[in-house]
Amino acid sequence: MSSASAQPVRRPKSIRQDAINLPNLLTFLRIALIPVVLFLLAEGTPAANFWSAMVYIVSAITDALDGWLARRQGLISVLGKFLDPLADKLLVMATLVWLVYMGRLTSVGVAAVILMVGRELSITALRTIAMSEGVVIAARRGGKDKTALQMVAILLLILHHPYDIHFGFATIHADLNQVGVALLYLSLVFALTSGGEYLKLFVDAVDAKEKRLADDENEAAAQDETEEE
């Protein structure tokens, strides 16, 4: 998942030039793969779950790759900064909601998903307001940890069925769904704490901007009074 940074944003010569570059095409691919993940997941068989998980992994790889390519090739763009986090949220929220629809989570798990979706929508709204006010808030470590836990949790929930994992002399019976649910709950803790941290940073940034504007107005008023004298 990309984070806010001091990387310069390349000004495109046209919207088409901004859209058609490799990092953005990878982001578009990630969005296009979401229905494939859900379609395979709907089959509900171990084989379909496996292939759904594979497509999900490809989507996660494009998430890491598009940001790296954009920075390496100097292709960081306004469209890319908008699309990348949007694609991440669409992938995570669509898959979680679909898992709820399929009945793979208990009532507690459903409540966790509702809180997560609400958190993501709230942070997206705050980020939109911040951008409109010219305020930039960098992504925090807690948010990155939340995203990593969510991705692993969702992958295990997609696989769903128990598997026997062989380690030479020993065999472990792993219930991937239970492990995924546990990681989902853990990611909820990170989601709520990082969301609260982001809200505080947002309020502090807006207050700092308003203070700067007030100081500028007072300075301008004082300068006008001096000129009148």
C-alpha atoms as a PDB file:
ATOM      1  CA  MET A   1       0.000   0.000   0.000  1.00  0.00           C
ATOM      2  CA  SER A   2       1.414   3.422  -0.840  1.00  0.00           C
ATOM      3  CA  SER A   3       1.960   6.087   1.725  1.00  0.00           C
ATOM      4  CA  ALA A   4       2.014   9.843   1.568  1.00  0.00           C
ATOM      5  CA  SER A   5       5.583  11.061   1.073  1.00  0.00           C
ATOM      6  CA  ALA A   6       7.717  13.890  -0.140  1.00  0.00           C
ATOM      7  CA  GLN A   7       8.137  12.284  -3.551  1.00  0.00           C
ATOM      8  CA  PRO A   8       7.543  14.851  -6.300  1.00  0.00           C
ATOM      9  CA  VAL A   9       4.412  14.394  -8.353  1.00  0.00           C
ATOM     10  CA  ARG A  10       5.081  14.430 -12.084  1.00  0.00           C
ATOM     11  CA  ARG A  11       2.853  16.857 -13.965  1.00  0.00           C
ATOM     12  CA  PRO A  12       1.509  15.023 -17.022  1.00  0.00           C
ATOM     13  CA  LYS A  13       1.244  16.561 -20.470  1.00  0.00           C
ATOM     14  CA  SER A  14      -2.212  14.995 -20.756  1.00  0.00           C
ATOM     15  CA  ILE A  15      -4.608  12.822 -18.772  1.00  0.00           C
ATOM     16  CA  ARG A  16      -3.964   9.971 -21.220  1.00  0.00           C
ATOM     17  CA  GLN A  17      -0.212  10.191 -20.682  1.00  0.00           C
ATOM     18  CA  ASP A  18      -0.802  10.207 -16.938  1.00  0.00           C
ATOM     19  CA  ALA A  19      -3.008   7.106 -17.102  1.00  0.00           C
ATOM     20  CA  ILE A  20      -1.100   4.953 -19.577  1.00  0.00           C
ATOM     21  CA  ASN A  21       2.098   4.053 -17.782  1.00  0.00           C
ATOM     22  CA  LEU A  22       3.170   0.737 -16.294  1.00  0.00           C
ATOM     23  CA  PRO A  23       2.542   1.534 -12.595  1.00  0.00           C
ATOM     24  CA  ASN A  24      -0.984   2.783 -13.283  1.00  0.00           C
ATOM     25  CA  LEU A  25      -1.710  -0.149 -15.608  1.00  0.00           C
ATOM     26  CA  LEU A  26      -0.755  -2.489 -12.754  1.00  0.00           C
ATOM     27  CA  THR A  27      -3.165  -0.605 -10.499  1.00  0.00           C
ATOM     28  CA  PHE A  28      -5.929  -0.957 -13.099  1.00  0.00           C
ATOM     29  CA  LEU A  29      -5.098  -4.674 -13.290  1.00  0.00           C
ATOM     30  CA  ARG A  30      -5.514  -4.971  -9.519  1.00  0.00           C
ATOM     31  CA  ILE A  31      -8.992  -3.446  -9.761  1.00  0.00           C
ATOM     32  CA  ALA A  32      -9.883  -5.722 -12.691  1.00  0.00           C
ATOM     33  CA  LEU A  33      -8.825  -8.815 -10.723  1.00  0.00           C
ATOM     34  CA  ILE A  34     -11.292  -8.129  -7.887  1.00  0.00           C
ATOM     35  CA  PRO A  35     -14.292  -9.724  -9.694  1.00  0.00           C
ATOM     36  CA  VAL A  36     -12.103 -12.728 -10.548  1.00  0.00           C
ATOM     37  CA  VAL A  37     -11.236 -13.230  -6.867  1.00  0.00           C
ATOM     38  CA  LEU A  38     -14.913 -13.010  -5.891  1.00  0.00           C
ATOM     39  CA  PHE A  39     -16.137 -15.238  -8.733  1.00  0.00           C
ATOM     40  CA  LEU A  40     -13.738 -18.038  -7.825  1.00  0.00           C
ATOM     41  CA  LEU A  41     -14.487 -17.573  -4.138  1.00  0.00           C
ATOM     42  CA  ALA A  42     -18.209 -18.002  -4.800  1.00  0.00           C
ATOM     43  CA  GLU A  43     -17.608 -21.576  -6.001  1.00  0.00           C
ATOM     44  CA  GLY A  44     -16.719 -22.557  -2.444  1.00  0.00           C
ATOM     45  CA  THR A  45     -14.703 -25.660  -3.347  1.00  0.00           C
ATOM     46  CA  PRO A  46     -11.131 -26.199  -2.106  1.00  0.00           C
ATOM     47  CA  ALA A  47      -9.811 -25.959  -5.675  1.00  0.00           C
ATOM     48  CA  ALA A  48     -11.713 -22.742  -6.402  1.00  0.00           C
ATOM     49  CA  ASN A  49     -10.581 -21.290  -3.069  1.00  0.00           C
ATOM     50  CA  PHE A  50      -6.980 -22.108  -3.975  1.00  0.00           C
ATOM     51  CA  TRP A  51      -7.172 -20.344  -7.336  1.00  0.00           C
ATOM     52  CA  SER A  52      -8.994 -17.400  -5.778  1.00  0.00           C
ATOM     53  CA  ALA A  53      -6.121 -17.134  -3.290  1.00  0.00           C
ATOM     54  CA  MET A  54      -3.588 -17.243  -6.133  1.00  0.00           C
ATOM     55  CA  VAL A  55      -5.333 -14.375  -7.939  1.00  0.00           C
ATOM     56  CA  TYR A  56      -5.470 -12.489  -4.643  1.00  0.00           C
ATOM     57  CA  ILE A  57      -1.703 -12.966  -4.218  1.00  0.00           C
ATOM     58  CA  VAL A  58      -1.124 -11.618  -7.742  1.00  0.00           C
ATOM     59  CA  SER A  59      -3.215  -8.580  -6.789  1.00  0.00           C
ATOM     60  CA  ALA A  60      -1.112  -8.056  -3.661  1.00  0.00           C
ATOM     61  CA  ILE A  61       2.088  -8.318  -5.717  1.00  0.00           C
ATOM     62  CA  THR A  62       0.865  -5.639  -8.135  1.00  0.00           C
ATOM     63  CA  ASP A  63       0.212  -3.447  -5.083  1.00  0.00           C
ATOM     64  CA  ALA A  64       3.863  -3.624  -4.054  1.00  0.00           C
ATOM     65  CA  LEU A  65       5.171  -3.477  -7.617  1.00  0.00           C
ATOM     66  CA  ASP A  66       3.284  -0.433  -8.906  1.00  0.00           C
ATOM     67  CA  GLY A  67       4.566   1.856  -6.142  1.00  0.00           C
ATOM     68  CA  TRP A  68       8.138   0.603  -6.539  1.00  0.00           C
ATOM     69  CA  LEU A  69       8.063   1.131 -10.310  1.00  0.00           C
ATOM     70  CA  ALA A  70       6.513   4.590  -9.967  1.00  0.00           C
ATOM     71  CA  ARG A  71       9.308   5.705  -7.632  1.00  0.00           C
ATOM     72  CA  ARG A  72      12.090   4.008  -9.600  1.00  0.00           C
ATOM     73  CA  GLN A  73      10.986   5.292 -13.018  1.00  0.00           C
ATOM     74  CA  GLY A  74       9.887   8.755 -11.861  1.00  0.00           C
ATOM     75  CA  LEU A  75       6.275   8.045 -12.795  1.00  0.00           C
ATOM     76  CA  ILE A  76       4.591   9.207  -9.587  1.00  0.00           C
ATOM     77  CA  SER A  77       1.431  10.953 -10.760  1.00  0.00           C
ATOM     78  CA  VAL A  78      -1.694  12.561  -9.377  1.00  0.00           C
ATOM     79  CA  LEU A  79      -3.823   9.782 -10.867  1.00  0.00           C
ATOM     80  CA  GLY A  80      -1.562   7.115  -9.386  1.00  0.00           C
ATOM     81  CA  LYS A  81      -1.712   8.672  -5.927  1.00  0.00           C
ATOM     82  CA  PHE A  82      -5.503   8.565  -6.165  1.00  0.00           C
ATOM     83  CA  LEU A  83      -5.920   5.123  -7.746  1.00  0.00           C
ATOM     84  CA  ASP A  84      -3.431   3.108  -5.680  1.00  0.00           C
ATOM     85  CA  PRO A  85      -5.099   3.483  -2.240  1.00  0.00           C
ATOM     86  CA  LEU A  86      -8.525   3.254  -3.900  1.00  0.00           C
ATOM     87  CA  ALA A  87      -7.616  -0.101  -5.471  1.00  0.00           C
ATOM     88  CA  ASP A  88      -6.315  -1.365  -2.125  1.00  0.00           C
ATOM     89  CA  LYS A  89      -9.518  -0.448  -0.310  1.00  0.00           C
ATOM     90  CA  LEU A  90     -11.723  -1.907  -3.040  1.00  0.00           C
ATOM     91  CA  LEU A  91      -9.834  -5.208  -2.938  1.00  0.00           C
ATOM     92  CA  VAL A  92      -9.908  -5.500   0.863  1.00  0.00           C
ATOM     93  CA  MET A  93     -13.468  -4.284   1.444  1.00  0.00           C
ATOM     94  CA  ALA A  94     -15.021  -6.201  -1.463  1.00  0.00           C
ATOM     95  CA  THR A  95     -13.396  -9.456  -0.366  1.00  0.00           C
ATOM     96  CA  LEU A  96     -14.338  -8.992   3.296  1.00  0.00           C
ATOM     97  CA  VAL A  97     -17.955  -8.184   2.437  1.00  0.00           C
ATOM     98  CA  TRP A  98     -18.074 -11.216   0.109  1.00  0.00           C
ATOM     99  CA  LEU A  99     -16.712 -13.461   2.870  1.00  0.00           C
ATOM    100  CA  VAL A 100     -19.480 -12.185   5.158  1.00  0.00           C
ATOM    101  CA  TYR A 101     -22.047 -12.872   2.432  1.00  0.00           C
ATOM    102  CA  MET A 102     -20.753 -16.438   2.105  1.00  0.00           C
ATOM    103  CA  GLY A 103     -21.169 -17.002   5.850  1.00  0.00           C
ATOM    104  CA  ARG A 104     -17.507 -17.656   6.570  1.00  0.00           C
ATOM    105  CA  LEU A 105     -17.471 -15.364   9.606  1.00  0.00           C
ATOM    106  CA  THR A 106     -19.351 -15.513  12.895  1.00  0.00           C
ATOM    107  CA  SER A 107     -21.412 -12.594  14.195  1.00  0.00           C
ATOM    108  CA  VAL A 108     -18.296 -11.279  15.945  1.00  0.00           C
ATOM    109  CA  GLY A 109     -16.390 -11.493  12.672  1.00  0.00           C
ATOM    110  CA  VAL A 110     -19.193  -9.663  10.882  1.00  0.00           C
ATOM    111  CA  ALA A 111     -19.029  -6.893  13.505  1.00  0.00           C
ATOM    112  CA  ALA A 112     -15.259  -6.675  12.961  1.00  0.00           C
ATOM    113  CA  VAL A 113     -15.765  -6.312   9.205  1.00  0.00           C
ATOM    114  CA  ILE A 114     -18.372  -3.571   9.733  1.00  0.00           C
ATOM    115  CA  LEU A 115     -15.933  -1.666  11.964  1.00  0.00           C
ATOM    116  CA  MET A 116     -13.134  -2.096   9.414  1.00  0.00           C
ATOM    117  CA  VAL A 117     -15.248  -0.899   6.506  1.00  0.00           C
ATOM    118  CA  GLY A 118     -16.455   2.054   8.579  1.00  0.00           C
ATOM    119  CA  ARG A 119     -12.867   2.880   9.491  1.00  0.00           C
ATOM    120  CA  GLU A 120     -11.720   2.784   5.864  1.00  0.00           C
ATOM    121  CA  LEU A 121     -14.606   4.982   4.693  1.00  0.00           C
ATOM    122  CA  SER A 122     -13.968   7.470   7.519  1.00  0.00           C
ATOM    123  CA  ILE A 123     -10.240   7.709   6.807  1.00  0.00           C
ATOM    124  CA  THR A 124     -10.936   8.113   3.088  1.00  0.00           C
ATOM    125  CA  ALA A 125     -13.328  10.973   3.880  1.00  0.00           C
ATOM    126  CA  LEU A 126     -10.764  12.624   6.181  1.00  0.00           C
ATOM    127  CA  ARG A 127      -8.035  12.227   3.564  1.00  0.00           C
ATOM    128  CA  THR A 128     -10.285  13.835   0.936  1.00  0.00           C
ATOM    129  CA  ILE A 129     -11.029  16.771   3.244  1.00  0.00           C
ATOM    130  CA  ALA A 130      -7.336  17.121   4.084  1.00  0.00           C
ATOM    131  CA  MET A 131      -6.372  17.186   0.399  1.00  0.00           C
ATOM    132  CA  SER A 132      -9.029  19.823  -0.319  1.00  0.00           C
ATOM    133  CA  GLU A 133      -7.527  21.933   2.468  1.00  0.00           C
ATOM    134  CA  GLY A 134      -4.003  21.454   1.151  1.00  0.00           C
ATOM    135  CA  VAL A 135      -3.031  19.359   4.176  1.00  0.00           C
ATOM    136  CA  VAL A 136      -0.778  16.325   3.665  1.00  0.00           C
ATOM    137  CA  ILE A 137      -0.726  13.631   6.349  1.00  0.00           C
ATOM    138  CA  ALA A 138       1.847  10.877   5.960  1.00  0.00           C
ATOM    139  CA  ALA A 139       0.815   7.269   6.480  1.00  0.00           C
ATOM    140  CA  ARG A 140       1.794   5.868   9.867  1.00  0.00           C
ATOM    141  CA  ARG A 141       3.423   2.577  10.821  1.00  0.00           C
ATOM    142  CA  GLY A 142       0.246   1.344  12.526  1.00  0.00           C
ATOM    143  CA  GLY A 143      -1.689   1.703   9.290  1.00  0.00           C
ATOM    144  CA  LYS A 144       0.941  -0.272   7.393  1.00  0.00           C
ATOM    145  CA  ASP A 145       0.898  -3.045  10.007  1.00  0.00           C
ATOM    146  CA  LYS A 146      -2.900  -3.108   9.789  1.00  0.00           C
ATOM    147  CA  THR A 147      -2.752  -3.523   6.026  1.00  0.00           C
ATOM    148  CA  ALA A 148      -0.215  -6.365   6.213  1.00  0.00           C
ATOM    149  CA  LEU A 149      -2.302  -8.242   8.788  1.00  0.00           C
ATOM    150  CA  GLN A 150      -5.471  -7.711   6.764  1.00  0.00           C
ATOM    151  CA  MET A 151      -3.885  -9.071   3.605  1.00  0.00           C
ATOM    152  CA  VAL A 152      -2.643 -12.242   5.318  1.00  0.00           C
ATOM    153  CA  ALA A 153      -5.934 -12.703   7.203  1.00  0.00           C
ATOM    154  CA  ILE A 154      -7.992 -12.383   4.023  1.00  0.00           C
ATOM    155  CA  LEU A 155      -5.705 -14.806   2.182  1.00  0.00           C
ATOM    156  CA  LEU A 156      -6.236 -17.450   4.886  1.00  0.00           C
ATOM    157  CA  LEU A 157      -9.987 -16.794   4.972  1.00  0.00           C
ATOM    158  CA  ILE A 158     -10.116 -17.299   1.206  1.00  0.00           C
ATOM    159  CA  LEU A 159      -8.305 -20.653   1.476  1.00  0.00           C
ATOM    160  CA  HIS A 160     -10.745 -21.494   4.301  1.00  0.00           C
ATOM    161  CA  HIS A 161     -10.435 -25.274   4.410  1.00  0.00           C
ATOM    162  CA  PRO A 162      -8.157 -27.137   6.861  1.00  0.00           C
ATOM    163  CA  TYR A 163      -4.899 -28.415   5.382  1.00  0.00           C
ATOM    164  CA  ASP A 164      -2.321 -30.937   6.517  1.00  0.00           C
ATOM    165  CA  ILE A 165       1.124 -29.327   6.387  1.00  0.00           C
ATOM    166  CA  HIS A 166       3.982 -31.830   6.270  1.00  0.00           C
ATOM    167  CA  PHE A 167       7.363 -31.038   7.845  1.00  0.00           C
ATOM    168  CA  GLY A 168       9.281 -34.225   7.100  1.00  0.00           C
ATOM    169  CA  PHE A 169       8.850 -36.186  10.330  1.00  0.00           C
ATOM    170  CA  ALA A 170       5.752 -34.280  11.508  1.00  0.00           C
ATOM    171  CA  THR A 171       2.377 -33.298  10.110  1.00  0.00           C
ATOM    172  CA  ILE A 172       0.456 -30.271  11.349  1.00  0.00           C
ATOM    173  CA  HIS A 173      -3.292 -30.006  10.843  1.00  0.00           C
ATOM    174  CA  ALA A 174      -3.886 -26.292  10.204  1.00  0.00           C
ATOM    175  CA  ASP A 175      -7.347 -24.745  10.264  1.00  0.00           C
ATOM    176  CA  LEU A 176      -6.604 -21.773   8.019  1.00  0.00           C
ATOM    177  CA  ASN A 177     -10.015 -20.207   8.588  1.00  0.00           C
ATOM    178  CA  GLN A 178      -9.508 -20.001  12.367  1.00  0.00           C
ATOM    179  CA  VAL A 179      -6.021 -18.546  11.947  1.00  0.00           C
ATOM    180  CA  GLY A 180      -7.413 -16.030   9.445  1.00  0.00           C
ATOM    181  CA  VAL A 181     -10.167 -14.985  11.856  1.00  0.00           C
ATOM    182  CA  ALA A 182      -7.614 -14.483  14.651  1.00  0.00           C
ATOM    183  CA  LEU A 183      -5.441 -12.300  12.399  1.00  0.00           C
ATOM    184  CA  LEU A 184      -8.544 -10.389  11.305  1.00  0.00           C
ATOM    185  CA  TYR A 185      -9.333  -9.518  14.929  1.00  0.00           C
ATOM    186  CA  LEU A 186      -5.718  -8.477  15.478  1.00  0.00           C
ATOM    187  CA  SER A 187      -5.820  -6.279  12.376  1.00  0.00           C
ATOM    188  CA  LEU A 188      -8.981  -4.644  13.765  1.00  0.00           C
ATOM    189  CA  VAL A 189      -6.999  -3.503  16.820  1.00  0.00           C
ATOM    190  CA  PHE A 190      -4.391  -1.922  14.531  1.00  0.00           C
ATOM    191  CA  ALA A 191      -7.151  -0.454  12.345  1.00  0.00           C
ATOM    192  CA  LEU A 192      -8.870   1.306  15.241  1.00  0.00           C
ATOM    193  CA  THR A 193      -5.667   2.553  16.898  1.00  0.00           C
ATOM    194  CA  SER A 194      -4.166   3.797  13.627  1.00  0.00           C
ATOM    195  CA  GLY A 195      -7.522   5.363  12.725  1.00  0.00           C
ATOM    196  CA  GLY A 196      -7.533   7.276  16.009  1.00  0.00           C
ATOM    197  CA  GLU A 197      -3.939   8.343  15.388  1.00  0.00           C
ATOM    198  CA  TYR A 198      -4.823   9.550  11.894  1.00  0.00           C
ATOM    199  CA  LEU A 199      -7.787  11.523  13.271  1.00  0.00           C
ATOM    200  CA  LYS A 200      -5.501  13.249  15.794  1.00  0.00           C
ATOM    201  CA  LEU A 201      -2.948  14.060  13.083  1.00  0.00           C
ATOM    202  CA  PHE A 202      -5.754  15.422  10.896  1.00  0.00           C
ATOM    203  CA  VAL A 203      -7.072  17.701  13.658  1.00  0.00           C
ATOM    204  CA  ASP A 204      -3.545  18.882  14.553  1.00  0.00           C
ATOM    205  CA  ALA A 205      -2.715  19.588  10.895  1.00  0.00           C
ATOM    206  CA  VAL A 206      -5.934  21.553  10.320  1.00  0.00           C
ATOM    207  CA  ASP A 207      -5.403  23.521  13.560  1.00  0.00           C
ATOM    208  CA  ALA A 208      -1.826  24.315  12.520  1.00  0.00           C
ATOM    209  CA  LYS A 209      -3.020  25.536   9.119  1.00  0.00           C
ATOM    210  CA  GLU A 210      -5.717  27.727  10.679  1.00  0.00           C
ATOM    211  CA  LYS A 211      -3.140  29.166  13.088  1.00  0.00           C
ATOM    212  CA  ARG A 212      -0.813  29.998  10.188  1.00  0.00           C
ATOM    213  CA  LEU A 213      -3.662  31.691   8.318  1.00  0.00           C
ATOM    214  CA  ALA A 214      -4.629  33.672  11.426  1.00  0.00           C
ATOM    215  CA  ASP A 215      -1.005  34.737  11.954  1.00  0.00           C
ATOM    216  CA  ASP A 216      -0.764  35.823   8.310  1.00  0.00           C
ATOM    217  CA  GLU A 217      -3.972  37.860   8.634  1.00  0.00           C
ATOM    218  CA  ASN A 218      -2.746  39.523  11.829  1.00  0.00           C
ATOM    219  CA  GLU A 219       0.595  40.300  10.203  1.00  0.00           C
ATOM    220  CA  ALA A 220      -1.143  41.769   7.152  1.00  0.00           C
ATOM    221  CA  ALA A 221      -3.438  43.862   9.375  1.00  0.00           C
ATOM    222  CA  ALA A 222      -0.482  45.146  11.381  1.00  0.00           C
ATOM    223  CA  GLN A 223       1.336  46.039   8.176  1.00  0.00           C
ATOM    224  CA  ASP A 224      -1.705  47.959   6.896  1.00  0.00           C
ATOM    225  CA  GLU A 225      -1.902  49.928  10.150  1.00  0.00           C
ATOM    226  CA  THR A 226       1.787  50.786   9.895  1.00  0.00           C
ATOM    227  CA  GLU A 227       1.374  52.039   6.326  1.00  0.00           C
ATOM    228  CA  GLU A 228      -1.624  54.194   7.330  1.00  0.00           C
ATOM    229  CA  GLU A 229       0.410  55.844  10.078  1.00  0.00           C
END
